Amino acid sequence: MPVEDYEAFATVVTQLRLNPPYQAAEVHRRSSDAATMAGAAPGSAALAEVLLLIGTWERIGIMASDLSAPQRRKFFRSTPVGLMWAALNPAIQALGGPEALAPEFKKLNDRYQTWLASPDGEMFRTANQQAVHAMFG
């Protein structure tokens, strides 16, 4: 079923990423790295934070699976899917792989990579280009 209200969808995605625990986890990831966080002790704050980041992007992947092609293009222009996949994939791999932990996030990134290769994604191909256009919150 296609997303009826893209603006409501985009608002929910933004709110997920502006959530204070998500923001704190992202600050920690930027000062450390996702693989290190994934290797932290069970029950630790670092492990919980990286799982929150991965889980949030898995939720975004689930929600984005219903976007129409034009909606997906619009979403990809303002959302750092590829950057976040690159940042979180080492932790995803360390914690059991995308099939076990983040299958919808992986599918979203696969669609993102296909979009990047299209003419529409041309000005978003480098990490710097993606960062300039992305809303990190």
Protein backbone atom coordinates (compact mmCIF):
# COMPACT_ATOMS: atom_id res chain seq x y z
CA MET A 1 0.00 0.00 0.00
CA PRO A 2 1.56 3.34 -1.03
CA VAL A 3 2.20 6.01 1.56
CA GLU A 4 -0.86 8.27 1.44
CA ASP A 5 0.68 11.27 3.22
CA TYR A 6 4.36 11.69 2.40
CA GLU A 7 4.73 14.75 4.63
CA ALA A 8 3.45 12.80 7.66
CA PHE A 9 5.86 9.98 6.80
CA ALA A 10 8.78 12.43 6.51
CA THR A 11 7.82 14.04 9.82
CA VAL A 12 7.81 10.67 11.60
CA VAL A 13 11.23 9.79 10.16
CA THR A 14 12.58 13.17 11.26
CA GLN A 15 11.14 12.72 14.75
CA LEU A 16 12.71 9.26 15.06
CA ARG A 17 16.07 10.81 14.28
CA LEU A 18 15.56 13.86 16.53
CA ASN A 19 14.60 11.72 19.52
CA PRO A 20 17.04 12.64 22.37
CA PRO A 21 18.18 9.03 23.02
CA TYR A 22 18.84 8.57 19.28
CA GLN A 23 20.76 11.86 19.17
CA ALA A 24 22.86 10.85 22.19
CA ALA A 25 23.59 7.47 20.61
CA GLU A 26 24.62 9.17 17.37
CA VAL A 27 26.95 11.53 19.23
CA HIS A 28 28.55 8.51 20.89
CA ARG A 29 28.88 6.71 17.54
CA ARG A 30 30.60 9.71 16.00
CA SER A 31 33.11 9.90 18.86
CA SER A 32 33.70 6.14 18.84
CA ASP A 33 32.55 3.86 16.04
CA ALA A 34 29.70 1.43 15.56
CA ALA A 35 31.87 -1.71 15.57
CA THR A 36 33.43 -0.77 18.91
CA MET A 37 29.98 -0.08 20.33
CA ALA A 38 28.75 -3.45 19.03
CA GLY A 39 31.63 -5.19 20.82
CA ALA A 40 30.76 -3.66 24.17
CA ALA A 41 29.63 -5.86 27.03
CA PRO A 42 26.07 -7.18 27.08
CA GLY A 43 23.88 -4.75 28.99
CA SER A 44 26.26 -1.84 28.41
CA ALA A 45 25.11 1.61 27.37
CA ALA A 46 27.28 1.47 24.23
CA LEU A 47 25.68 -1.75 23.00
CA ALA A 48 22.20 -0.42 23.77
CA GLU A 49 22.97 2.78 21.85
CA VAL A 50 24.18 1.04 18.70
CA LEU A 51 21.16 -1.26 18.82
CA LEU A 52 18.94 1.82 19.10
CA LEU A 53 20.59 3.33 16.02
CA ILE A 54 20.27 0.12 14.01
CA GLY A 55 16.71 -0.44 15.21
CA THR A 56 15.70 3.08 14.26
CA TRP A 57 17.04 2.62 10.73
CA GLU A 58 15.37 -0.78 10.50
CA ARG A 59 12.08 0.94 11.42
CA ILE A 60 12.74 3.63 8.79
CA GLY A 61 13.41 0.86 6.25
CA ILE A 62 10.11 -0.81 7.12
CA MET A 63 8.20 2.45 6.81
CA ALA A 64 9.95 3.44 3.56
CA SER A 65 9.15 0.12 1.90
CA ASP A 66 5.72 1.50 0.99
CA LEU A 67 6.99 4.66 -0.71
CA SER A 68 6.14 5.16 -4.36
CA ALA A 69 9.06 5.73 -6.75
CA PRO A 70 8.60 9.55 -6.75
CA GLN A 71 8.29 9.58 -2.95
CA ARG A 72 11.42 7.45 -2.60
CA ARG A 73 13.38 9.84 -4.84
CA LYS A 74 12.29 12.76 -2.67
CA PHE A 75 13.17 10.83 0.50
CA PHE A 76 16.61 9.87 -0.78
CA ARG A 77 17.44 13.51 -1.56
CA SER A 78 17.12 14.51 2.12
CA THR A 79 17.89 11.39 4.15
CA PRO A 80 21.40 10.01 4.78
CA VAL A 81 20.55 6.37 4.05
CA GLY A 82 23.92 5.52 2.49
CA LEU A 83 25.95 7.38 5.09
CA MET A 84 24.13 5.67 7.94
CA TRP A 85 24.42 2.25 6.31
CA ALA A 86 28.18 2.77 5.92
CA ALA A 87 28.45 3.92 9.54
CA LEU A 88 26.32 1.16 11.06
CA ASN A 89 27.14 -1.79 8.79
CA PRO A 90 30.27 -2.79 10.76
CA ALA A 91 28.10 -3.13 13.88
CA ILE A 92 25.38 -4.94 11.94
CA GLN A 93 27.97 -7.42 10.68
CA ALA A 94 29.45 -7.88 14.16
CA LEU A 95 26.02 -8.53 15.65
CA GLY A 96 24.86 -11.21 13.22
CA GLY A 97 24.52 -9.59 9.82
CA PRO A 98 21.72 -7.74 8.06
CA GLU A 99 19.56 -10.83 7.56
CA ALA A 100 19.30 -11.27 11.33
CA LEU A 101 19.33 -7.66 12.47
CA ALA A 102 18.41 -5.16 9.76
CA PRO A 103 16.94 -6.74 6.61
CA GLU A 104 14.71 -3.76 5.76
CA PHE A 105 17.51 -1.27 6.37
CA LYS A 106 19.66 -3.30 3.96
CA LYS A 107 16.88 -3.29 1.34
CA LEU A 108 16.51 0.46 1.78
CA ASN A 109 20.25 0.94 1.30
CA ASP A 110 20.21 -1.34 -1.77
CA ARG A 111 17.45 0.85 -3.28
CA TYR A 112 19.46 3.92 -2.30
CA GLN A 113 22.56 2.61 -4.05
CA THR A 114 20.51 1.92 -7.20
CA TRP A 115 19.12 5.45 -7.02
CA LEU A 116 22.65 6.88 -6.61
CA ALA A 117 23.66 5.20 -9.87
CA SER A 118 20.73 6.85 -11.68
CA PRO A 119 20.90 10.32 -13.21
CA ASP A 120 18.68 11.60 -10.38
CA GLY A 121 21.28 10.56 -7.79
CA GLU A 122 24.26 12.05 -9.60
CA MET A 123 24.77 14.97 -7.22
CA PHE A 124 24.66 12.66 -4.16
CA ARG A 125 27.33 10.08 -5.04
CA THR A 126 30.04 11.07 -2.60
CA ALA A 127 29.75 11.09 1.17
CA ASN A 128 30.40 14.84 1.19
CA GLN A 129 27.60 15.45 -1.33
CA GLN A 130 25.22 13.31 0.72
CA ALA A 131 26.16 15.10 3.94
CA VAL A 132 25.55 18.54 2.43
CA HIS A 133 22.03 17.57 1.37
CA ALA A 134 21.08 15.39 4.34
CA MET A 135 19.18 16.55 7.39
CA PHE A 136 21.12 15.11 10.30
CA GLY A 137 19.09 16.78 13.07
